[in-house]
Amino acid sequence: MTAIEAQLIERLRKLPPSRVAEVVDFVEFLSQREERAAAAQRLTEGLARLDSLQLPDITEDEVEAEIQAARQERRSRQGA
């Protein structure tokens, strides 16, 4: 255990339960913020890799055709 961990534990022991609950909430908030930052970084990197492929733009008609094909495939599987 590091010195800072020992200090934190000692201070937590001195707090009333309601304050400990606040600390837990704050730590959870910080953890979620870190997770969101990491996810945003992964998304940024993924988009950069995708952009580097220099694929042609897809049209709205092509998107609609993909949606319809996926729906048809799903219906076929449900009926089978």
PDB file of N, CA and C in Angstrom:
ATOM      1  N   MET A   1       0.848  -1.175   0.000  1.00  0.00           N
ATOM      2  CA  MET A   1       0.000   0.000   0.000  1.00  0.00           C
ATOM      3  C   MET A   1       0.890   1.233   0.000  1.00  0.00           C
ATOM      4  N   THR A   2       0.529   2.178  -0.844  1.00  0.00           N
ATOM      5  CA  THR A   2       1.320   3.402  -0.915  1.00  0.00           C
ATOM      6  C   THR A   2       0.961   4.330   0.243  1.00  0.00           C
ATOM      7  N   ALA A   3       1.796   5.341   0.432  1.00  0.00           N
ATOM      8  CA  ALA A   3       1.562   6.305   1.511  1.00  0.00           C
ATOM      9  C   ALA A   3       0.253   7.056   1.288  1.00  0.00           C
ATOM     10  N   ILE A   4      -0.038   7.422   0.043  1.00  0.00           N
ATOM     11  CA  ILE A   4      -1.281   8.161  -0.236  1.00  0.00           C
ATOM     12  C   ILE A   4      -2.498   7.291   0.032  1.00  0.00           C
ATOM     13  N   GLU A   5      -2.401   5.984  -0.309  1.00  0.00           N
ATOM     14  CA  GLU A   5      -3.514   5.082  -0.027  1.00  0.00           C
ATOM     15  C   GLU A   5      -3.751   4.977   1.480  1.00  0.00           C
ATOM     16  N   ALA A   6      -2.677   4.880   2.238  1.00  0.00           N
ATOM     17  CA  ALA A   6      -2.796   4.795   3.696  1.00  0.00           C
ATOM     18  C   ALA A   6      -3.418   6.071   4.256  1.00  0.00           C
ATOM     19  N   GLN A   7      -3.015   7.217   3.734  1.00  0.00           N
ATOM     20  CA  GLN A   7      -3.594   8.492   4.182  1.00  0.00           C
ATOM     21  C   GLN A   7      -5.089   8.549   3.872  1.00  0.00           C
ATOM     22  N   LEU A   8      -5.451   8.136   2.675  1.00  0.00           N
ATOM     23  CA  LEU A   8      -6.863   8.165   2.290  1.00  0.00           C
ATOM     24  C   LEU A   8      -7.705   7.250   3.179  1.00  0.00           C
ATOM     25  N   ILE A   9      -7.187   6.055   3.429  1.00  0.00           N
ATOM     26  CA  ILE A   9      -7.920   5.115   4.279  1.00  0.00           C
ATOM     27  C   ILE A   9      -8.081   5.677   5.683  1.00  0.00           C
ATOM     28  N   GLU A  10      -7.028   6.258   6.199  1.00  0.00           N
ATOM     29  CA  GLU A  10      -7.096   6.835   7.545  1.00  0.00           C
ATOM     30  C   GLU A  10      -8.121   7.970   7.601  1.00  0.00           C
ATOM     31  N   ARG A  11      -8.122   8.811   6.599  1.00  0.00           N
ATOM     32  CA  ARG A  11      -9.096   9.910   6.561  1.00  0.00           C
ATOM     33  C   ARG A  11     -10.521   9.392   6.382  1.00  0.00           C
ATOM     34  N   LEU A  12     -10.687   8.357   5.555  1.00  0.00           N
ATOM     35  CA  LEU A  12     -12.020   7.773   5.373  1.00  0.00           C
ATOM     36  C   LEU A  12     -12.560   7.209   6.678  1.00  0.00           C
ATOM     37  N   ARG A  13     -11.701   6.604   7.458  1.00  0.00           N
ATOM     38  CA  ARG A  13     -12.127   6.025   8.744  1.00  0.00           C
ATOM     39  C   ARG A  13     -12.660   7.087   9.702  1.00  0.00           C
ATOM     40  N   LYS A  14     -12.205   8.315   9.543  1.00  0.00           N
ATOM     41  CA  LYS A  14     -12.619   9.400  10.438  1.00  0.00           C
ATOM     42  C   LYS A  14     -13.925  10.066   9.994  1.00  0.00           C
ATOM     43  N   LEU A  15     -14.362   9.772   8.784  1.00  0.00           N
ATOM     44  CA  LEU A  15     -15.572  10.403   8.262  1.00  0.00           C
ATOM     45  C   LEU A  15     -16.832   9.669   8.712  1.00  0.00           C
ATOM     46  N   PRO A  16     -17.929  10.421   8.875  1.00  0.00           N
ATOM     47  CA  PRO A  16     -19.206   9.756   9.154  1.00  0.00           C
ATOM     48  C   PRO A  16     -19.678   9.007   7.896  1.00  0.00           C
ATOM     49  N   PRO A  17     -20.520   7.994   8.057  1.00  0.00           N
ATOM     50  CA  PRO A  17     -20.966   7.184   6.918  1.00  0.00           C
ATOM     51  C   PRO A  17     -21.540   7.992   5.752  1.00  0.00           C
ATOM     52  N   SER A  18     -22.258   9.049   6.037  1.00  0.00           N
ATOM     53  CA  SER A  18     -22.847   9.828   4.946  1.00  0.00           C
ATOM     54  C   SER A  18     -21.757  10.487   4.095  1.00  0.00           C
ATOM     55  N   ARG A  19     -20.690  10.906   4.716  1.00  0.00           N
ATOM     56  CA  ARG A  19     -19.584  11.507   3.961  1.00  0.00           C
ATOM     57  C   ARG A  19     -18.810  10.443   3.185  1.00  0.00           C
ATOM     58  N   VAL A  20     -18.682   9.260   3.741  1.00  0.00           N
ATOM     59  CA  VAL A  20     -18.020   8.164   3.035  1.00  0.00           C
ATOM     60  C   VAL A  20     -18.811   7.849   1.762  1.00  0.00           C
ATOM     61  N   ALA A  21     -20.133   7.876   1.876  1.00  0.00           N
ATOM     62  CA  ALA A  21     -20.983   7.636   0.709  1.00  0.00           C
ATOM     63  C   ALA A  21     -20.737   8.698  -0.363  1.00  0.00           C
ATOM     64  N   GLU A  22     -20.542   9.937   0.049  1.00  0.00           N
ATOM     65  CA  GLU A  22     -20.226  11.002  -0.908  1.00  0.00           C
ATOM     66  C   GLU A  22     -18.889  10.744  -1.598  1.00  0.00           C
ATOM     67  N   VAL A  23     -17.920  10.285  -0.826  1.00  0.00           N
ATOM     68  CA  VAL A  23     -16.605   9.970  -1.391  1.00  0.00           C
ATOM     69  C   VAL A  23     -16.740   8.847  -2.420  1.00  0.00           C
ATOM     70  N   VAL A  24     -17.506   7.829  -2.091  1.00  0.00           N
ATOM     71  CA  VAL A  24     -17.721   6.711  -3.019  1.00  0.00           C
ATOM     72  C   VAL A  24     -18.368   7.230  -4.306  1.00  0.00           C
ATOM     73  N   ASP A  25     -19.379   8.081  -4.163  1.00  0.00           N
ATOM     74  CA  ASP A  25     -20.036   8.659  -5.339  1.00  0.00           C
ATOM     75  C   ASP A  25     -19.043   9.451  -6.195  1.00  0.00           C
ATOM     76  N   PHE A  26     -18.183  10.233  -5.538  1.00  0.00           N
ATOM     77  CA  PHE A  26     -17.216  11.041  -6.267  1.00  0.00           C
ATOM     78  C   PHE A  26     -16.196  10.163  -6.989  1.00  0.00           C
ATOM     79  N   VAL A  27     -15.731   9.123  -6.321  1.00  0.00           N
ATOM     80  CA  VAL A  27     -14.774   8.207  -6.946  1.00  0.00           C
ATOM     81  C   VAL A  27     -15.423   7.525  -8.153  1.00  0.00           C
ATOM     82  N   GLU A  28     -16.684   7.149  -8.030  1.00  0.00           N
ATOM     83  CA  GLU A  28     -17.403   6.540  -9.148  1.00  0.00           C
ATOM     84  C   GLU A  28     -17.521   7.534 -10.306  1.00  0.00           C
ATOM     85  N   PHE A  29     -17.809   8.787  -9.985  1.00  0.00           N
ATOM     86  CA  PHE A  29     -17.880   9.838 -11.009  1.00  0.00           C
ATOM     87  C   PHE A  29     -16.543   9.964 -11.741  1.00  0.00           C
ATOM     88  N   LEU A  30     -15.449   9.995 -11.004  1.00  0.00           N
ATOM     89  CA  LEU A  30     -14.126  10.097 -11.620  1.00  0.00           C
ATOM     90  C   LEU A  30     -13.820   8.888 -12.492  1.00  0.00           C
ATOM     91  N   SER A  31     -14.198   7.719 -12.025  1.00  0.00           N
ATOM     92  CA  SER A  31     -13.969   6.495 -12.785  1.00  0.00           C
ATOM     93  C   SER A  31     -14.747   6.519 -14.101  1.00  0.00           C
ATOM     94  N   GLN A  32     -16.004   6.933 -14.050  1.00  0.00           N
ATOM     95  CA  GLN A  32     -16.813   7.009 -15.264  1.00  0.00           C
ATOM     96  C   GLN A  32     -16.251   8.046 -16.228  1.00  0.00           C
ATOM     97  N   ARG A  33     -15.765   9.154 -15.694  1.00  0.00           N
ATOM     98  CA  ARG A  33     -15.181  10.187 -16.551  1.00  0.00           C
ATOM     99  C   ARG A  33     -13.946   9.650 -17.269  1.00  0.00           C
ATOM    100  N   GLU A  34     -13.139   8.865 -16.578  1.00  0.00           N
ATOM    101  CA  GLU A  34     -11.967   8.260 -17.202  1.00  0.00           C
ATOM    102  C   GLU A  34     -12.377   7.265 -18.283  1.00  0.00           C
ATOM    103  N   GLU A  35     -13.409   6.478 -17.998  1.00  0.00           N
ATOM    104  CA  GLU A  35     -13.895   5.516 -18.983  1.00  0.00           C
ATOM    105  C   GLU A  35     -14.410   6.220 -20.228  1.00  0.00           C
ATOM    106  N   ARG A  36     -15.145   7.324 -20.039  1.00  0.00           N
ATOM    107  CA  ARG A  36     -15.646   8.082 -21.194  1.00  0.00           C
ATOM    108  C   ARG A  36     -14.503   8.681 -21.990  1.00  0.00           C
ATOM    109  N   ALA A  37     -13.486   9.182 -21.303  1.00  0.00           N
ATOM    110  CA  ALA A  37     -12.337   9.759 -21.996  1.00  0.00           C
ATOM    111  C   ALA A  37     -11.611   8.687 -22.806  1.00  0.00           C
ATOM    112  N   ALA A  38     -11.467   7.501 -22.235  1.00  0.00           N
ATOM    113  CA  ALA A  38     -10.809   6.408 -22.951  1.00  0.00           C
ATOM    114  C   ALA A  38     -11.639   5.982 -24.160  1.00  0.00           C
ATOM    115  N   ALA A  39     -12.959   5.927 -23.991  1.00  0.00           N
ATOM    116  CA  ALA A  39     -13.838   5.558 -25.113  1.00  0.00           C
ATOM    117  C   ALA A  39     -13.766   6.610 -26.213  1.00  0.00           C
ATOM    118  N   ALA A  40     -13.733   7.873 -25.821  1.00  0.00           N
ATOM    119  CA  ALA A  40     -13.631   8.947 -26.811  1.00  0.00           C
ATOM    120  C   ALA A  40     -12.307   8.854 -27.569  1.00  0.00           C
ATOM    121  N   GLN A  41     -11.246   8.508 -26.870  1.00  0.00           N
ATOM    122  CA  GLN A  41      -9.946   8.349 -27.518  1.00  0.00           C
ATOM    123  C   GLN A  41      -9.971   7.204 -28.516  1.00  0.00           C
ATOM    124  N   ARG A  42     -10.570   6.072 -28.116  1.00  0.00           N
ATOM    125  CA  ARG A  42     -10.675   4.926 -29.031  1.00  0.00           C
ATOM    126  C   ARG A  42     -11.504   5.285 -30.252  1.00  0.00           C
ATOM    127  N   LEU A  43     -12.587   6.021 -30.045  1.00  0.00           N
ATOM    128  CA  LEU A  43     -13.430   6.439 -31.165  1.00  0.00           C
ATOM    129  C   LEU A  43     -12.667   7.359 -32.106  1.00  0.00           C
ATOM    130  N   THR A  44     -11.937   8.308 -31.561  1.00  0.00           N
ATOM    131  CA  THR A  44     -11.142   9.223 -32.369  1.00  0.00           C
ATOM    132  C   THR A  44     -10.122   8.458 -33.199  1.00  0.00           C
ATOM    133  N   GLU A  45      -9.444   7.505 -32.572  1.00  0.00           N
ATOM    134  CA  GLU A  45      -8.445   6.703 -33.294  1.00  0.00           C
ATOM    135  C   GLU A  45      -9.103   5.858 -34.379  1.00  0.00           C
ATOM    136  N   GLY A  46     -10.257   5.274 -34.061  1.00  0.00           N
ATOM    137  CA  GLY A  46     -10.971   4.466 -35.040  1.00  0.00           C
ATOM    138  C   GLY A  46     -11.427   5.292 -36.231  1.00  0.00           C
ATOM    139  N   LEU A  47     -11.938   6.489 -35.962  1.00  0.00           N
ATOM    140  CA  LEU A  47     -12.371   7.366 -37.047  1.00  0.00           C
ATOM    141  C   LEU A  47     -11.184   7.798 -37.910  1.00  0.00           C
ATOM    142  N   ALA A  48     -10.044   8.030 -37.286  1.00  0.00           N
ATOM    143  CA  ALA A  48      -8.852   8.404 -38.051  1.00  0.00           C
ATOM    144  C   ALA A  48      -8.416   7.255 -38.964  1.00  0.00           C
ATOM    145  N   ARG A  49      -8.469   6.012 -38.431  1.00  0.00           N
ATOM    146  CA  ARG A  49      -8.116   4.857 -39.268  1.00  0.00           C
ATOM    147  C   ARG A  49      -9.103   4.706 -40.420  1.00  0.00           C
ATOM    148  N   LEU A  50     -10.375   4.896 -40.125  1.00  0.00           N
ATOM    149  CA  LEU A  50     -11.398   4.801 -41.167  1.00  0.00           C
ATOM    150  C   LEU A  50     -11.196   5.877 -42.219  1.00  0.00           C
ATOM    151  N   ASP A  51     -10.909   7.076 -41.773  1.00  0.00           N
ATOM    152  CA  ASP A  51     -10.673   8.187 -42.705  1.00  0.00           C
ATOM    153  C   ASP A  51      -9.452   7.917 -43.579  1.00  0.00           C
ATOM    154  N   SER A  52      -8.440   7.258 -43.017  1.00  0.00           N
ATOM    155  CA  SER A  52      -7.219   6.989 -43.775  1.00  0.00           C
ATOM    156  C   SER A  52      -7.462   6.011 -44.926  1.00  0.00           C
ATOM    157  N   LEU A  53      -8.562   5.263 -44.870  1.00  0.00           N
ATOM    158  CA  LEU A  53      -8.893   4.337 -45.957  1.00  0.00           C
ATOM    159  C   LEU A  53      -9.376   5.069 -47.207  1.00  0.00           C
ATOM    160  N   GLN A  54      -9.782   6.309 -47.035  1.00  0.00           N
ATOM    161  CA  GLN A  54     -10.247   7.164 -48.131  1.00  0.00           C
ATOM    162  C   GLN A  54     -11.323   6.467 -48.963  1.00  0.00           C
ATOM    163  N   LEU A  55     -12.298   5.896 -48.267  1.00  0.00           N
ATOM    164  CA  LEU A  55     -13.406   5.239 -48.942  1.00  0.00           C
ATOM    165  C   LEU A  55     -14.343   6.294 -49.544  1.00  0.00           C
ATOM    166  N   PRO A  56     -15.021   5.958 -50.638  1.00  0.00           N
ATOM    167  CA  PRO A  56     -15.958   6.928 -51.207  1.00  0.00           C
ATOM    168  C   PRO A  56     -17.151   7.113 -50.282  1.00  0.00           C
ATOM    169  N   ASP A  57     -17.750   8.297 -50.344  1.00  0.00           N
ATOM    170  CA  ASP A  57     -18.929   8.573 -49.537  1.00  0.00           C
ATOM    171  C   ASP A  57     -20.055   7.629 -49.940  1.00  0.00           C
ATOM    172  N   ILE A  58     -20.901   7.296 -48.982  1.00  0.00           N
ATOM    173  CA  ILE A  58     -22.051   6.442 -49.251  1.00  0.00           C
ATOM    174  C   ILE A  58     -23.283   7.341 -49.356  1.00  0.00           C
ATOM    175  N   THR A  59     -24.136   7.054 -50.305  1.00  0.00           N
ATOM    176  CA  THR A  59     -25.316   7.891 -50.533  1.00  0.00           C
ATOM    177  C   THR A  59     -26.455   7.459 -49.614  1.00  0.00           C
ATOM    178  N   GLU A  60     -27.447   8.316 -49.487  1.00  0.00           N
ATOM    179  CA  GLU A  60     -28.622   7.973 -48.690  1.00  0.00           C
ATOM    180  C   GLU A  60     -29.335   6.765 -49.282  1.00  0.00           C
ATOM    181  N   ASP A  61     -29.368   6.673 -50.595  1.00  0.00           N
ATOM    182  CA  ASP A  61     -30.005   5.518 -51.246  1.00  0.00           C
ATOM    183  C   ASP A  61     -29.266   4.227 -50.906  1.00  0.00           C
ATOM    184  N   GLU A  62     -27.944   4.279 -50.853  1.00  0.00           N
ATOM    185  CA  GLU A  62     -27.159   3.091 -50.496  1.00  0.00           C
ATOM    186  C   GLU A  62     -27.414   2.695 -49.042  1.00  0.00           C
ATOM    187  N   VAL A  63     -27.519   3.681 -48.177  1.00  0.00           N
ATOM    188  CA  VAL A  63     -27.822   3.404 -46.768  1.00  0.00           C
ATOM    189  C   VAL A  63     -29.193   2.737 -46.667  1.00  0.00           C
ATOM    190  N   GLU A  64     -30.171   3.306 -47.353  1.00  0.00           N
ATOM    191  CA  GLU A  64     -31.523   2.747 -47.330  1.00  0.00           C
ATOM    192  C   GLU A  64     -31.530   1.320 -47.876  1.00  0.00           C
ATOM    193  N   ALA A  65     -30.802   1.060 -48.948  1.00  0.00           N
ATOM    194  CA  ALA A  65     -30.725  -0.283 -49.512  1.00  0.00           C
ATOM    195  C   ALA A  65     -30.124  -1.269 -48.511  1.00  0.00           C
ATOM    196  N   GLU A  66     -29.084  -0.845 -47.772  1.00  0.00           N
ATOM    197  CA  GLU A  66     -28.470  -1.706 -46.743  1.00  0.00           C
ATOM    198  C   GLU A  66     -29.477  -2.020 -45.640  1.00  0.00           C
ATOM    199  N   ILE A  67     -30.228  -1.011 -45.228  1.00  0.00           N
ATOM    200  CA  ILE A  67     -31.230  -1.206 -44.177  1.00  0.00           C
ATOM    201  C   ILE A  67     -32.282  -2.198 -44.642  1.00  0.00           C
ATOM    202  N   GLN A  68     -32.776  -2.005 -45.839  1.00  0.00           N
ATOM    203  CA  GLN A  68     -33.807  -2.896 -46.369  1.00  0.00           C
ATOM    204  C   GLN A  68     -33.288  -4.322 -46.504  1.00  0.00           C
ATOM    205  N   ALA A  69     -32.055  -4.486 -46.955  1.00  0.00           N
ATOM    206  CA  ALA A  69     -31.465  -5.820 -47.087  1.00  0.00           C
ATOM    207  C   ALA A  69     -31.336  -6.491 -45.722  1.00  0.00           C
ATOM    208  N   ALA A  70     -30.925  -5.736 -44.724  1.00  0.00           N
ATOM    209  CA  ALA A  70     -30.791  -6.295 -43.377  1.00  0.00           C
ATOM    210  C   ALA A  70     -32.155  -6.693 -42.824  1.00  0.00           C
ATOM    211  N   ARG A  71     -33.159  -5.859 -43.060  1.00  0.00           N
ATOM    212  CA  ARG A  71     -34.507  -6.190 -42.596  1.00  0.00           C
ATOM    213  C   ARG A  71     -35.025  -7.442 -43.288  1.00  0.00           C
ATOM    214  N   GLN A  72     -34.792  -7.542 -44.578  1.00  0.00           N
ATOM    215  CA  GLN A  72     -35.239  -8.717 -45.330  1.00  0.00           C
ATOM    216  C   GLN A  72     -34.550  -9.979 -44.832  1.00  0.00           C
ATOM    217  N   GLU A  73     -33.263  -9.878 -44.575  1.00  0.00           N
ATOM    218  CA  GLU A  73     -32.523 -11.031 -44.057  1.00  0.00           C
ATOM    219  C   GLU A  73     -33.063 -11.455 -42.698  1.00  0.00           C
ATOM    220  N   ARG A  74     -33.355 -10.491 -41.834  1.00  0.00           N
ATOM    221  CA  ARG A  74     -33.903 -10.785 -40.516  1.00  0.00           C
ATOM    222  C   ARG A  74     -35.260 -11.461 -40.639  1.00  0.00           C
ATOM    223  N   ARG A  75     -36.101 -10.942 -41.549  1.00  0.00           N
ATOM    224  CA  ARG A  75     -37.420 -11.545 -41.754  1.00  0.00           C
ATOM    225  C   ARG A  75     -37.278 -12.991 -42.263  1.00  0.00           C
ATOM    226  N   SER A  76     -36.319 -13.225 -43.154  1.00  0.00           N
ATOM    227  CA  SER A  76     -36.106 -14.574 -43.688  1.00  0.00           C
ATOM    228  C   SER A  76     -35.720 -15.536 -42.577  1.00  0.00           C
ATOM    229  N   ARG A  77     -34.845 -15.081 -41.689  1.00  0.00           N
ATOM    230  CA  ARG A  77     -34.395 -15.946 -40.595  1.00  0.00           C
ATOM    231  C   ARG A  77     -35.535 -16.215 -39.616  1.00  0.00           C
ATOM    232  N   GLN A  78     -36.373 -15.217 -39.380  1.00  0.00           N
ATOM    233  CA  GLN A  78     -37.486 -15.401 -38.443  1.00  0.00           C
ATOM    234  C   GLN A  78     -38.530 -16.364 -39.006  1.00  0.00           C
ATOM    235  N   GLY A  79     -38.706 -16.335 -40.327  1.00  0.00           N
ATOM    236  CA  GLY A  79     -39.678 -17.207 -40.965  1.00  0.00           C
ATOM    237  C   GLY A  79     -39.176 -18.630 -41.158  1.00  0.00           C
ATOM    238  N   ALA A  80     -37.880 -18.819 -41.080  1.00  0.00           N
ATOM    239  CA  ALA A  80     -37.280 -20.145 -41.348  1.00  0.00           C
ATOM    240  C   ALA A  80     -37.368 -21.066 -40.160  1.00  0.00           C
TER     241      ALA A  80
END
